[in-house]
Protein backbone atom coordinates (compact mmCIF):
# COMPACT_ATOMS: atom_id res chain seq x y z
CA MET A 1 0.00 0.00 0.00
CA THR A 2 1.49 3.34 -0.99
CA GLY A 3 1.66 6.27 1.39
CA SER A 4 -1.14 8.20 -0.30
CA LEU A 5 -3.35 5.12 -0.44
CA ARG A 6 -2.76 4.55 3.26
CA TRP A 7 -3.79 8.12 3.99
CA ARG A 8 -6.88 7.76 1.79
CA VAL A 9 -7.89 4.60 3.63
CA ALA A 10 -7.25 6.36 6.94
CA ALA A 11 -9.42 9.30 5.82
CA ALA A 12 -12.24 6.97 4.78
CA ILE A 13 -12.06 5.08 8.07
CA TRP A 14 -11.98 8.32 10.07
CA ALA A 15 -14.98 9.68 8.12
CA ALA A 16 -16.87 6.45 8.81
CA LEU A 17 -16.08 6.74 12.52
CA ILE A 18 -17.39 10.32 12.51
CA VAL A 19 -20.63 9.21 10.83
CA VAL A 20 -21.12 6.24 13.16
CA SER A 21 -20.44 8.31 16.27
CA GLY A 22 -22.75 10.99 14.89
CA VAL A 23 -25.74 8.67 14.65
CA ALA A 24 -25.10 6.24 17.50
CA PRO A 25 -26.95 6.68 20.82
CA LEU A 26 -23.93 7.86 22.82
CA GLY A 27 -25.67 10.06 25.39
CA SER A 28 -24.93 7.81 28.35
CA VAL A 29 -21.28 7.45 27.29
CA VAL A 30 -20.86 11.22 27.04
CA GLU A 31 -22.52 11.76 30.43
CA ALA A 32 -20.18 9.16 31.99
CA ILE A 33 -17.16 11.12 30.72
CA GLY A 34 -18.32 14.53 31.86
CA PRO A 35 -20.79 17.36 31.21
CA PRO A 36 -22.30 16.86 27.73
CA ASP A 37 -21.56 20.26 26.20
CA PRO A 38 -17.79 20.42 26.82
CA VAL A 39 -17.34 16.73 26.00
CA THR A 40 -19.25 16.89 22.72
CA THR A 41 -17.67 20.19 21.72
CA THR A 42 -14.19 18.81 22.37
CA GLY A 43 -15.10 15.62 20.52
CA HIS A 44 -16.41 17.50 17.49
CA PHE A 45 -13.40 19.81 17.37
CA GLY A 46 -10.84 17.05 17.78
CA ALA A 47 -12.50 14.65 15.35
CA TYR A 48 -12.63 17.24 12.59
CA ALA A 49 -9.11 18.55 13.29
CA VAL A 50 -7.78 15.02 12.83
CA PHE A 51 -10.03 14.49 9.80
CA GLY A 52 -8.83 17.70 8.14
CA PHE A 53 -5.19 16.74 8.72
CA ILE A 54 -5.59 13.17 7.44
CA LEU A 55 -7.68 14.27 4.48
CA VAL A 56 -5.28 16.92 3.21
CA VAL A 57 -2.38 14.45 3.35
CA ALA A 58 -4.54 11.90 1.52
CA LEU A 59 -5.33 14.42 -1.21
CA GLY A 60 -1.97 16.12 -1.71
CA GLY A 61 0.72 14.26 0.16
CA TRP A 62 3.07 16.33 2.30
CA ARG A 63 3.21 19.26 -0.14
CA VAL A 64 1.30 22.35 0.92
CA SER A 65 -1.13 22.79 -1.94
CA ALA A 66 -3.89 25.42 -1.98
CA ARG A 67 -6.06 23.04 -3.99
CA ALA A 68 -5.64 20.12 -1.55
CA LEU A 69 -6.28 22.44 1.40
CA ALA A 70 -9.44 23.85 -0.22
CA VAL A 71 -10.80 20.43 -1.22
CA ALA A 72 -10.04 18.95 2.20
CA PHE A 73 -11.75 21.86 3.91
CA ALA A 74 -14.81 21.62 1.63
CA LEU A 75 -15.09 17.85 2.20
CA ALA A 76 -14.76 18.20 5.98
CA VAL A 77 -17.45 20.92 6.04
CA ALA A 78 -19.68 18.79 3.81
CA LEU A 79 -19.27 15.78 6.10
CA GLY A 80 -20.11 17.90 9.14
CA ALA A 81 -23.21 19.28 7.43
CA VAL A 82 -24.39 15.84 6.30
CA VAL A 83 -23.94 14.38 9.78
CA GLU A 84 -25.93 17.24 11.31
CA LEU A 85 -28.70 16.77 8.70
CA ILE A 86 -28.81 13.04 9.39
CA GLN A 87 -29.10 13.73 13.14
CA GLY A 88 -32.18 15.93 12.70
CA PRO A 89 -34.81 13.18 12.46
CA ILE A 90 -33.09 10.81 14.91
CA PRO A 91 -35.02 11.01 18.21
CA TYR A 92 -32.00 10.62 20.50
CA ARG A 93 -29.78 13.06 18.54
CA ASP A 94 -29.96 16.80 17.88
CA ALA A 95 -28.88 18.64 14.74
CA SER A 96 -26.95 21.75 15.71
CA LEU A 97 -25.43 24.66 13.83
CA VAL A 98 -23.12 25.16 16.81
CA ASP A 99 -21.78 21.62 16.33
CA LEU A 100 -21.28 22.34 12.63
CA ALA A 101 -19.39 25.55 13.46
CA VAL A 102 -17.15 23.60 15.85
CA ASP A 103 -16.58 20.98 13.11
CA VAL A 104 -15.56 23.74 10.69
CA ALA A 105 -13.21 25.29 13.25
CA GLY A 106 -11.65 21.91 14.00
CA ALA A 107 -11.09 21.19 10.31
CA ALA A 108 -9.48 24.62 9.84
CA VAL A 109 -7.12 24.01 12.76
CA GLY A 110 -6.25 20.55 11.43
CA LEU A 111 -5.36 22.08 8.07
CA ALA A 112 -3.30 24.81 9.74
CA VAL A 113 -1.40 22.20 11.76
CA PHE A 114 -0.80 20.21 8.58
CA SER A 115 0.55 23.32 6.83
CA ALA A 116 2.96 24.02 9.67
CA VAL A 117 4.13 20.39 9.88
CA ALA A 118 4.51 20.05 6.11
CA ARG A 119 6.52 23.28 5.85
CA ARG A 120 8.75 22.20 8.72
CA ARG A 121 9.31 18.80 7.12
CA ARG A 122 10.22 20.52 3.87
CA SER A 123 12.64 22.96 5.48
CA ARG A 124 14.36 20.08 7.33
CA SER A 125 14.79 18.09 4.12
CA ARG A 126 16.62 20.93 2.35
CA PRO A 127 20.38 20.74 2.51
CA GLY A 128 22.30 23.39 4.32
């Protein structure tokens, strides 16, 4: 399996985990961890930060590419929106624009972290 294929598989698996956790009845699990709002907000932010990072590497490798960044961001936002739409009719879940905003912020941070890491990797690989 090549590096980019590994990252694409990782992105697909991570997206599937986001969807499953977005529709599963996890209320009692969240309450066992702590107060629902901070736990779910942290979960949304972290999940989409990781997703953004994995996705941009899957799309463009370790080069910082405006196109890969834009496509990764658009796909992460689309996934967040779809999950929130799916949650709407589920009785034990709530669709929330706040959750979507946190997803968007997480994805943006994941892409920013990727950019910093990729640039650092590039500068270290240059001789001299």
